[in-house]
Amino acid sequence: MIQRQKEKYGWEFLFLGANIDTVETAGHLGITPDRAVNYHCDSEGTRLNYEVVGRVVATVRCSAPLDEHWKDAIEEDFRKRQKSRKRT
């Protein structure tokens, strides 16, 4: 269904996941790795997701292409906090 909607209607799909292999899971659904991102499922990570997705929706609603860096802030937060969790 996802592939059909992408091809027929030009839909964009994003996959945000916590506590899973997000890229692998997204791939099983037909969502490419550039549209999948891991995040920390806490208030800070969830807030950041809403901010980023809000910007993505605004971009797409203006018929602009989705920038390849759309998820950079989420990935940076995930990496930074993942490292600090491993040290404790």
Protein backbone atom coordinates (compact mmCIF):
# COMPACT_ATOMS: atom_id res chain seq x y z
CA MET A 1 0.00 0.00 0.00
CA ILE A 2 2.80 2.41 0.84
CA GLN A 3 4.48 1.88 -2.53
CA ARG A 4 1.16 2.40 -4.31
CA GLN A 5 0.50 5.70 -2.53
CA LYS A 6 4.05 6.88 -3.24
CA GLU A 7 3.79 6.06 -6.93
CA LYS A 8 0.18 7.01 -7.60
CA TYR A 9 -0.16 10.11 -5.42
CA GLY A 10 3.42 11.16 -4.69
CA TRP A 11 2.99 10.67 -0.95
CA GLU A 12 5.95 10.95 1.40
CA PHE A 13 6.31 8.52 4.30
CA LEU A 14 8.50 9.06 7.34
CA PHE A 15 9.22 6.42 9.95
CA LEU A 16 10.28 7.50 13.43
CA GLY A 17 11.06 4.69 15.82
CA ALA A 18 12.31 4.15 19.33
CA ASN A 19 13.72 0.97 20.82
CA ILE A 20 13.75 -0.83 17.45
CA ASP A 21 15.96 -1.12 14.37
CA THR A 22 14.18 1.72 12.62
CA VAL A 23 15.83 1.40 9.22
CA GLU A 24 15.20 -2.34 9.01
CA THR A 25 11.59 -2.02 10.18
CA ALA A 26 10.92 0.86 7.78
CA GLY A 27 12.40 -1.18 4.95
CA HIS A 28 9.93 -4.00 5.62
CA LEU A 29 7.18 -1.43 5.12
CA GLY A 30 8.62 -0.02 1.90
CA ILE A 31 10.07 3.12 3.47
CA THR A 32 13.63 3.99 2.44
CA PRO A 33 16.43 4.58 4.98
CA ASP A 34 16.56 8.31 4.18
CA ARG A 35 13.00 8.57 5.52
CA ALA A 36 13.62 6.63 8.75
CA VAL A 37 15.14 7.84 12.00
CA ASN A 38 15.73 6.60 15.56
CA TYR A 39 14.85 8.80 18.49
CA HIS A 40 14.80 8.71 22.27
CA CYS A 41 11.27 8.07 23.49
CA ASP A 42 11.19 10.64 26.26
CA SER A 43 9.83 14.15 26.59
CA GLU A 44 12.89 15.75 25.00
CA GLY A 45 13.03 13.32 22.06
CA THR A 46 9.29 13.49 21.46
CA ARG A 47 9.30 17.30 21.56
CA LEU A 48 12.11 17.35 19.00
CA ASN A 49 10.16 14.95 16.75
CA TYR A 50 7.14 17.25 16.77
CA GLU A 51 9.31 20.25 15.89
CA VAL A 52 11.05 18.46 13.02
CA VAL A 53 7.91 16.84 11.63
CA GLY A 54 6.11 20.20 11.86
CA ARG A 55 8.80 21.76 9.67
CA VAL A 56 8.63 18.81 7.26
CA VAL A 57 4.85 19.13 6.91
CA ALA A 58 5.15 22.87 6.29
CA THR A 59 7.78 22.24 3.62
CA VAL A 60 5.75 19.59 1.82
CA ARG A 61 2.55 21.67 2.01
CA CYS A 62 4.40 24.42 0.14
CA SER A 63 5.19 21.88 -2.61
CA ALA A 64 8.89 22.08 -1.82
CA PRO A 65 10.98 18.92 -1.97
CA LEU A 66 11.89 17.31 1.31
CA ASP A 67 15.51 18.18 2.09
CA GLU A 68 17.89 15.27 2.66
CA HIS A 69 18.85 16.82 6.00
CA TRP A 70 15.31 16.82 7.40
CA LYS A 71 16.22 14.40 10.19
CA ASP A 72 19.67 15.73 11.14
CA ALA A 73 18.53 17.29 14.44
CA ILE A 74 16.87 14.05 15.56
CA GLU A 75 19.89 11.95 14.60
CA GLU A 76 22.26 14.31 16.37
CA ASP A 77 20.16 14.22 19.54
CA PHE A 78 19.96 10.42 19.37
CA ARG A 79 23.74 9.99 18.92
CA LYS A 80 24.64 12.52 21.59
CA ARG A 81 22.35 11.06 24.22
CA GLN A 82 23.09 7.44 23.22
CA LYS A 83 26.77 8.03 23.96
CA SER A 84 26.04 9.60 27.34
CA ARG A 85 23.76 6.70 28.30
CA LYS A 86 26.48 4.16 27.48
CA ARG A 87 28.97 5.95 29.74
CA THR A 88 26.72 5.76 32.79
